Amino acid sequence: MRNALRFRKLAHVSILLLASWLSLRNTNSLDGSEFSGGRLTGPILTMCEIAIIVFVVGIVLAYPFPRIASVTSLLASLLSLPFLLYWIAPRPVRSIYKGEYSVPLQSNFVWNKWSLGTAVAILIVVVMSVWNLFPVQRPQN
């Protein structure tokens, strides 16, 4: 049972570290650009930057408080979702949020390997967080 709990904590920390690094990599070049000043894109970028901080809080809390870290990880995943949706599927997001956009659309979906990698990492964070919300059960003899 101790090894299973240790594995859960280590796996949770590892995927949180990966998700925070990928999110930081995606948002790093956008600070100070036109993307950060938009009416829609500015708050989306801010939410993703807050999500990175919450991912780091989840990393710190994963060993002493794994359930609290799971809840914070789910919150961070929820905060980073709008950025990923806008980055991967700009046409559907723009059809929902109408307005003046300074950059014309190039395509409906953008298959960027870093954005897709971040989306997969966030999905794994959600699965790992839900998995960590439930206690490790001892086998009945």
N, C-alpha and C. Protein backbone atom coordinates (compact mmCIF):
# COMPACT_ATOMS: atom_id res chain seq x y z
N MET A 1 0.82 -1.19 0.00
CA MET A 1 0.00 0.00 0.00
C MET A 1 0.87 1.26 0.00
N ARG A 2 1.96 1.23 0.73
CA ARG A 2 2.84 2.38 0.79
C ARG A 2 3.47 2.66 -0.57
N ASN A 3 3.83 1.62 -1.29
CA ASN A 3 4.42 1.82 -2.62
C ASN A 3 3.40 2.37 -3.60
N ALA A 4 2.16 1.93 -3.49
CA ALA A 4 1.12 2.42 -4.39
C ALA A 4 0.87 3.91 -4.14
N LEU A 5 0.84 4.30 -2.89
CA LEU A 5 0.63 5.71 -2.56
C LEU A 5 1.81 6.56 -3.02
N ARG A 6 3.01 6.04 -2.83
CA ARG A 6 4.20 6.77 -3.27
C ARG A 6 4.21 6.90 -4.79
N PHE A 7 3.80 5.84 -5.50
CA PHE A 7 3.73 5.90 -6.96
C PHE A 7 2.72 6.94 -7.41
N ARG A 8 1.56 7.00 -6.76
CA ARG A 8 0.53 7.98 -7.12
C ARG A 8 1.06 9.41 -6.94
N LYS A 9 1.73 9.65 -5.82
CA LYS A 9 2.25 10.99 -5.57
C LYS A 9 3.33 11.36 -6.58
N LEU A 10 4.23 10.44 -6.86
CA LEU A 10 5.30 10.71 -7.82
C LEU A 10 4.75 10.92 -9.23
N ALA A 11 3.77 10.12 -9.62
CA ALA A 11 3.17 10.28 -10.95
C ALA A 11 2.42 11.60 -11.04
N HIS A 12 1.74 11.98 -9.97
CA HIS A 12 1.00 13.24 -9.97
C HIS A 12 1.95 14.43 -10.08
N VAL A 13 3.02 14.41 -9.31
CA VAL A 13 4.00 15.49 -9.37
C VAL A 13 4.64 15.56 -10.76
N SER A 14 4.95 14.41 -11.32
CA SER A 14 5.60 14.38 -12.64
C SER A 14 4.71 14.98 -13.72
N ILE A 15 3.45 14.59 -13.74
CA ILE A 15 2.57 15.10 -14.80
C ILE A 15 2.23 16.57 -14.55
N LEU A 16 2.16 17.00 -13.29
CA LEU A 16 1.95 18.42 -13.02
C LEU A 16 3.15 19.25 -13.46
N LEU A 17 4.33 18.73 -13.25
CA LEU A 17 5.54 19.42 -13.70
C LEU A 17 5.56 19.53 -15.22
N LEU A 18 5.20 18.46 -15.90
CA LEU A 18 5.16 18.48 -17.36
C LEU A 18 4.09 19.46 -17.86
N ALA A 19 2.91 19.43 -17.27
CA ALA A 19 1.83 20.32 -17.70
C ALA A 19 2.18 21.78 -17.45
N SER A 20 2.80 22.07 -16.32
CA SER A 20 3.17 23.46 -16.06
C SER A 20 4.26 23.93 -17.01
N TRP A 21 5.21 23.07 -17.31
CA TRP A 21 6.28 23.44 -18.25
C TRP A 21 5.71 23.67 -19.66
N LEU A 22 4.84 22.78 -20.11
CA LEU A 22 4.25 22.95 -21.44
C LEU A 22 3.37 24.19 -21.52
N SER A 23 2.60 24.45 -20.47
CA SER A 23 1.77 25.66 -20.46
C SER A 23 2.64 26.91 -20.46
N LEU A 24 3.71 26.89 -19.68
CA LEU A 24 4.62 28.03 -19.66
C LEU A 24 5.28 28.23 -21.01
N ARG A 25 5.62 27.15 -21.67
CA ARG A 25 6.24 27.24 -22.99
C ARG A 25 5.27 27.84 -24.01
N ASN A 26 4.01 27.49 -23.91
CA ASN A 26 3.01 28.02 -24.85
C ASN A 26 2.71 29.50 -24.60
N THR A 27 2.72 29.92 -23.35
CA THR A 27 2.34 31.30 -23.04
C THR A 27 3.51 32.26 -22.98
N ASN A 28 4.72 31.75 -22.89
CA ASN A 28 5.89 32.59 -22.68
C ASN A 28 6.09 33.62 -23.78
N SER A 29 5.91 33.25 -25.02
CA SER A 29 6.17 34.16 -26.13
C SER A 29 5.02 35.15 -26.35
N LEU A 30 3.90 34.98 -25.66
CA LEU A 30 2.74 35.84 -25.89
C LEU A 30 2.68 37.06 -24.97
N ASP A 31 3.47 37.08 -23.91
CA ASP A 31 3.46 38.24 -23.01
C ASP A 31 3.98 39.46 -23.74
N GLY A 32 3.26 40.55 -23.60
CA GLY A 32 3.67 41.79 -24.25
C GLY A 32 3.31 41.87 -25.72
N SER A 33 2.63 40.87 -26.23
CA SER A 33 2.24 40.88 -27.63
C SER A 33 0.80 41.39 -27.75
N GLU A 34 0.33 41.43 -28.97
CA GLU A 34 -1.05 41.85 -29.22
C GLU A 34 -2.05 40.87 -28.62
N PHE A 35 -1.66 39.61 -28.48
CA PHE A 35 -2.51 38.58 -27.91
C PHE A 35 -2.88 38.90 -26.47
N SER A 36 -1.92 39.45 -25.72
CA SER A 36 -2.18 39.72 -24.30
C SER A 36 -3.06 40.94 -24.07
N GLY A 37 -3.23 41.78 -25.08
CA GLY A 37 -4.01 43.00 -24.90
C GLY A 37 -5.42 42.92 -25.44
N GLY A 38 -5.81 41.79 -26.00
CA GLY A 38 -7.13 41.68 -26.59
C GLY A 38 -8.25 41.61 -25.57
N ARG A 39 -9.44 41.95 -26.02
CA ARG A 39 -10.61 41.91 -25.14
C ARG A 39 -10.93 40.48 -24.71
N LEU A 40 -10.75 39.53 -25.60
CA LEU A 40 -10.99 38.12 -25.29
C LEU A 40 -9.70 37.39 -24.96
N THR A 41 -8.68 37.64 -25.75
CA THR A 41 -7.44 36.88 -25.60
C THR A 41 -6.64 37.29 -24.37
N GLY A 42 -6.76 38.53 -23.93
CA GLY A 42 -6.06 38.96 -22.73
C GLY A 42 -6.48 38.19 -21.49
N PRO A 43 -7.79 38.12 -21.20
CA PRO A 43 -8.23 37.33 -20.04
C PRO A 43 -7.94 35.83 -20.18
N ILE A 44 -7.98 35.32 -21.41
CA ILE A 44 -7.65 33.90 -21.62
C ILE A 44 -6.19 33.64 -21.25
N LEU A 45 -5.31 34.53 -21.68
CA LEU A 45 -3.89 34.39 -21.37
C LEU A 45 -3.65 34.54 -19.87
N THR A 46 -4.33 35.46 -19.23
CA THR A 46 -4.20 35.65 -17.79
C THR A 46 -4.66 34.41 -17.04
N MET A 47 -5.76 33.82 -17.47
CA MET A 47 -6.25 32.59 -16.83
C MET A 47 -5.23 31.47 -16.96
N CYS A 48 -4.59 31.35 -18.11
CA CYS A 48 -3.60 30.30 -18.30
C CYS A 48 -2.36 30.54 -17.44
N GLU A 49 -1.98 31.81 -17.28
CA GLU A 49 -0.84 32.11 -16.41
C GLU A 49 -1.17 31.82 -14.95
N ILE A 50 -2.41 32.08 -14.54
CA ILE A 50 -2.84 31.72 -13.19
C ILE A 50 -2.84 30.19 -13.04
N ALA A 51 -3.23 29.48 -14.09
CA ALA A 51 -3.23 28.02 -14.06
C ALA A 51 -1.82 27.47 -13.83
N ILE A 52 -0.82 28.11 -14.43
CA ILE A 52 0.57 27.66 -14.23
C ILE A 52 0.94 27.79 -12.76
N ILE A 53 0.55 28.89 -12.13
CA ILE A 53 0.84 29.08 -10.70
C ILE A 53 0.11 28.04 -9.87
N VAL A 54 -1.12 27.74 -10.22
CA VAL A 54 -1.89 26.73 -9.48
C VAL A 54 -1.30 25.34 -9.69
N PHE A 55 -0.76 25.06 -10.88
CA PHE A 55 -0.06 23.79 -11.11
C PHE A 55 1.14 23.67 -10.16
N VAL A 56 1.89 24.75 -10.00
CA VAL A 56 3.05 24.73 -9.10
C VAL A 56 2.59 24.53 -7.65
N VAL A 57 1.49 25.15 -7.27
CA VAL A 57 0.94 24.94 -5.93
C VAL A 57 0.56 23.46 -5.76
N GLY A 58 -0.01 22.86 -6.80
CA GLY A 58 -0.33 21.43 -6.76
C GLY A 58 0.90 20.56 -6.60
N ILE A 59 2.01 20.96 -7.24
CA ILE A 59 3.26 20.21 -7.09
C ILE A 59 3.73 20.27 -5.64
N VAL A 60 3.67 21.45 -5.04
CA VAL A 60 4.12 21.62 -3.66
C VAL A 60 3.23 20.82 -2.70
N LEU A 61 1.93 20.78 -2.97
CA LEU A 61 1.00 20.11 -2.06
C LEU A 61 0.84 18.61 -2.31
N ALA A 62 1.44 18.09 -3.36
CA ALA A 62 1.18 16.70 -3.74
C ALA A 62 1.65 15.69 -2.70
N TYR A 63 2.77 15.92 -2.06
CA TYR A 63 3.25 14.95 -1.08
C TYR A 63 2.55 15.07 0.27
N PRO A 64 2.45 16.27 0.87
CA PRO A 64 1.78 16.30 2.18
C PRO A 64 0.26 16.19 2.11
N PHE A 65 -0.35 16.73 1.06
CA PHE A 65 -1.82 16.74 0.96
C PHE A 65 -2.24 16.33 -0.46
N PRO A 66 -2.23 15.05 -0.79
CA PRO A 66 -2.51 14.64 -2.17
C PRO A 66 -3.92 14.96 -2.65
N ARG A 67 -4.90 14.93 -1.78
CA ARG A 67 -6.28 15.24 -2.22
C ARG A 67 -6.45 16.72 -2.50
N ILE A 68 -5.87 17.56 -1.68
CA ILE A 68 -5.93 19.00 -1.94
C ILE A 68 -5.18 19.32 -3.23
N ALA A 69 -4.07 18.65 -3.45
CA ALA A 69 -3.32 18.85 -4.69
C ALA A 69 -4.14 18.40 -5.89
N SER A 70 -4.93 17.36 -5.73
CA SER A 70 -5.79 16.91 -6.82
C SER A 70 -6.86 17.94 -7.15
N VAL A 71 -7.44 18.54 -6.15
CA VAL A 71 -8.46 19.56 -6.38
C VAL A 71 -7.84 20.79 -7.04
N THR A 72 -6.66 21.20 -6.57
CA THR A 72 -6.01 22.35 -7.21
C THR A 72 -5.59 22.03 -8.63
N SER A 73 -5.21 20.79 -8.89
CA SER A 73 -4.85 20.39 -10.25
C SER A 73 -6.06 20.43 -11.18
N LEU A 74 -7.20 20.00 -10.67
CA LEU A 74 -8.42 20.10 -11.47
C LEU A 74 -8.79 21.55 -11.75
N LEU A 75 -8.61 22.42 -10.76
CA LEU A 75 -8.86 23.84 -10.96
C LEU A 75 -7.92 24.43 -12.01
N ALA A 76 -6.65 24.08 -11.94
CA ALA A 76 -5.68 24.58 -12.91
C ALA A 76 -6.00 24.06 -14.31
N SER A 77 -6.45 22.84 -14.41
CA SER A 77 -6.83 22.29 -15.71
C SER A 77 -8.01 23.05 -16.29
N LEU A 78 -8.96 23.37 -15.43
CA LEU A 78 -10.13 24.14 -15.87
C LEU A 78 -9.73 25.55 -16.31
N LEU A 79 -8.78 26.16 -15.61
CA LEU A 79 -8.33 27.50 -15.97
C LEU A 79 -7.55 27.52 -17.28
N SER A 80 -6.85 26.46 -17.60
CA SER A 80 -6.05 26.44 -18.83
C SER A 80 -6.85 25.99 -20.05
N LEU A 81 -8.05 25.49 -19.83
CA LEU A 81 -8.86 24.99 -20.94
C LEU A 81 -9.22 26.05 -21.98
N PRO A 82 -9.66 27.27 -21.61
CA PRO A 82 -9.99 28.26 -22.65
C PRO A 82 -8.81 28.62 -23.55
N PHE A 83 -7.62 28.72 -22.97
CA PHE A 83 -6.44 29.03 -23.78
C PHE A 83 -6.18 27.93 -24.80
N LEU A 84 -6.26 26.69 -24.34
CA LEU A 84 -6.01 25.57 -25.26
C LEU A 84 -7.08 25.49 -26.34
N LEU A 85 -8.33 25.72 -25.97
CA LEU A 85 -9.40 25.70 -26.97
C LEU A 85 -9.20 26.80 -28.01
N TYR A 86 -8.82 28.00 -27.56
CA TYR A 86 -8.60 29.09 -28.49
C TYR A 86 -7.38 28.82 -29.37
N TRP A 87 -6.37 28.22 -28.81
CA TRP A 87 -5.14 27.98 -29.55
C TRP A 87 -5.29 26.84 -30.55
N ILE A 88 -6.07 25.80 -30.21
CA ILE A 88 -6.22 24.64 -31.09
C ILE A 88 -7.38 24.82 -32.05
N ALA A 89 -8.49 25.41 -31.59
CA ALA A 89 -9.69 25.55 -32.43
C ALA A 89 -10.14 27.01 -32.46
N PRO A 90 -9.43 27.88 -33.19
CA PRO A 90 -9.79 29.31 -33.16
C PRO A 90 -11.12 29.64 -33.83
N ARG A 91 -11.48 28.95 -34.90
CA ARG A 91 -12.73 29.27 -35.60
C ARG A 91 -13.95 29.00 -34.72
N PRO A 92 -14.07 27.83 -34.06
CA PRO A 92 -15.23 27.63 -33.18
C PRO A 92 -15.30 28.63 -32.02
N VAL A 93 -14.15 29.00 -31.47
CA VAL A 93 -14.14 29.97 -30.38
C VAL A 93 -14.57 31.34 -30.89
N ARG A 94 -14.09 31.72 -32.07
CA ARG A 94 -14.47 33.01 -32.64
C ARG A 94 -15.92 33.04 -33.08
N SER A 95 -16.48 31.89 -33.41
CA SER A 95 -17.90 31.87 -33.78
C SER A 95 -18.78 32.05 -32.54
N ILE A 96 -18.28 31.65 -31.38
CA ILE A 96 -19.02 31.85 -30.14
C ILE A 96 -18.85 33.28 -29.65
N TYR A 97 -17.61 33.78 -29.67
CA TYR A 97 -17.31 35.14 -29.21
C TYR A 97 -17.06 36.03 -30.42
N LYS A 98 -18.11 36.63 -30.90
CA LYS A 98 -18.02 37.48 -32.07
C LYS A 98 -17.36 38.80 -31.71
N GLY A 99 -16.73 39.42 -32.69
CA GLY A 99 -16.09 40.71 -32.45
C GLY A 99 -15.07 41.01 -33.52
N GLU A 100 -14.34 42.09 -33.32
CA GLU A 100 -13.28 42.51 -34.22
C GLU A 100 -11.98 41.85 -33.80
N TYR A 101 -11.38 41.09 -34.68
CA TYR A 101 -10.10 40.46 -34.42
C TYR A 101 -9.07 41.06 -35.36
N SER A 102 -7.90 41.40 -34.83
CA SER A 102 -6.89 42.08 -35.63
C SER A 102 -6.17 41.13 -36.57
N VAL A 103 -6.17 39.85 -36.25
CA VAL A 103 -5.47 38.86 -37.08
C VAL A 103 -6.52 37.98 -37.76
N PRO A 104 -6.46 37.86 -39.09
CA PRO A 104 -7.43 36.99 -39.77
C PRO A 104 -7.11 35.52 -39.51
N LEU A 105 -8.16 34.70 -39.60
CA LEU A 105 -7.98 33.27 -39.39
C LEU A 105 -7.23 32.63 -40.55
N GLN A 106 -6.34 31.73 -40.21
CA GLN A 106 -5.63 30.96 -41.24
C GLN A 106 -6.34 29.64 -41.51
N SER A 107 -6.89 29.02 -40.45
CA SER A 107 -7.61 27.76 -40.61
C SER A 107 -8.56 27.57 -39.41
N ASN A 108 -9.41 26.55 -39.53
CA ASN A 108 -10.37 26.27 -38.45
C ASN A 108 -9.70 25.68 -37.23
N PHE A 109 -8.76 24.78 -37.46
CA PHE A 109 -8.05 24.09 -36.40
C PHE A 109 -6.56 24.21 -36.67
N VAL A 110 -5.79 24.41 -35.61
CA VAL A 110 -4.34 24.54 -35.72
C VAL A 110 -3.73 23.34 -35.01
N TRP A 111 -3.09 22.47 -35.76
CA TRP A 111 -2.52 21.26 -35.20
C TRP A 111 -1.06 21.51 -34.84
N ASN A 112 -0.85 22.29 -33.79
CA ASN A 112 0.48 22.60 -33.30
C ASN A 112 0.88 21.51 -32.31
N LYS A 113 2.08 20.97 -32.46
CA LYS A 113 2.48 19.85 -31.61
C LYS A 113 2.60 20.25 -30.14
N TRP A 114 3.00 21.49 -29.84
CA TRP A 114 3.12 21.91 -28.46
C TRP A 114 1.76 22.11 -27.81
N SER A 115 0.83 22.66 -28.54
CA SER A 115 -0.51 22.84 -27.98
C SER A 115 -1.21 21.50 -27.78
N LEU A 116 -1.07 20.62 -28.75
CA LEU A 116 -1.67 19.29 -28.58
C LEU A 116 -1.01 18.51 -27.46
N GLY A 117 0.30 18.65 -27.32
CA GLY A 117 1.00 18.00 -26.21
C GLY A 117 0.53 18.53 -24.87
N THR A 118 0.30 19.83 -24.80
CA THR A 118 -0.22 20.42 -23.58
C THR A 118 -1.62 19.92 -23.29
N ALA A 119 -2.45 19.81 -24.32
CA ALA A 119 -3.81 19.30 -24.14
C ALA A 119 -3.80 17.86 -23.63
N VAL A 120 -2.91 17.04 -24.17
CA VAL A 120 -2.80 15.66 -23.69
C VAL A 120 -2.31 15.63 -22.24
N ALA A 121 -1.34 16.46 -21.92
CA ALA A 121 -0.84 16.52 -20.53
C ALA A 121 -1.93 16.98 -19.58
N ILE A 122 -2.74 17.95 -19.99
CA ILE A 122 -3.84 18.42 -19.14
C ILE A 122 -4.88 17.31 -18.95
N LEU A 123 -5.15 16.56 -20.01
CA LEU A 123 -6.07 15.43 -19.89
C LEU A 123 -5.53 14.38 -18.92
N ILE A 124 -4.25 14.11 -18.97
CA ILE A 124 -3.64 13.16 -18.02
C ILE A 124 -3.69 13.72 -16.60
N VAL A 125 -3.51 15.03 -16.45
CA VAL A 125 -3.62 15.65 -15.12
C VAL A 125 -5.02 15.44 -14.56
N VAL A 126 -6.04 15.61 -15.40
CA VAL A 126 -7.42 15.42 -14.94
C VAL A 126 -7.64 13.97 -14.50
N VAL A 127 -7.19 13.04 -15.30
CA VAL A 127 -7.34 11.62 -14.96
C VAL A 127 -6.59 11.29 -13.68
N MET A 128 -5.36 11.77 -13.58
CA MET A 128 -4.53 11.50 -12.39
C MET A 128 -5.14 12.15 -11.15
N SER A 129 -5.70 13.34 -11.30
CA SER A 129 -6.29 14.03 -10.15
C SER A 129 -7.54 13.30 -9.65
N VAL A 130 -8.37 12.86 -10.57
CA VAL A 130 -9.56 12.10 -10.16
C VAL A 130 -9.14 10.79 -9.52
N TRP A 131 -8.09 10.16 -10.06
CA TRP A 131 -7.57 8.90 -9.50
C TRP A 131 -7.06 9.13 -8.08
N ASN A 132 -6.41 10.26 -7.84
CA ASN A 132 -5.86 10.54 -6.51
C ASN A 132 -6.90 10.98 -5.50
N LEU A 133 -8.09 11.32 -5.94
CA LEU A 133 -9.13 11.71 -5.00
C LEU A 133 -9.65 10.51 -4.19
N PHE A 134 -9.47 9.33 -4.72
CA PHE A 134 -9.94 8.14 -4.04
C PHE A 134 -8.79 7.48 -3.30
N PRO A 135 -9.02 7.00 -2.08
CA PRO A 135 -7.93 6.43 -1.29
C PRO A 135 -7.47 5.07 -1.84
N VAL A 136 -6.24 4.72 -1.50
CA VAL A 136 -5.69 3.43 -1.88
C VAL A 136 -6.33 2.37 -0.99
N GLN A 137 -6.94 1.35 -1.59
CA GLN A 137 -7.62 0.31 -0.84
C GLN A 137 -6.67 -0.84 -0.56
N ARG A 138 -6.73 -1.35 0.65
CA ARG A 138 -5.96 -2.55 0.97
C ARG A 138 -6.69 -3.77 0.45
N PRO A 139 -5.95 -4.73 -0.08
CA PRO A 139 -6.62 -5.96 -0.55
C PRO A 139 -7.15 -6.76 0.65
N GLN A 140 -8.35 -7.28 0.50
CA GLN A 140 -8.96 -8.09 1.55
C GLN A 140 -8.49 -9.52 1.43
N ASN A 141 -8.04 -10.09 2.55
CA ASN A 141 -7.58 -11.49 2.54
C ASN A 141 -8.63 -12.41 3.03
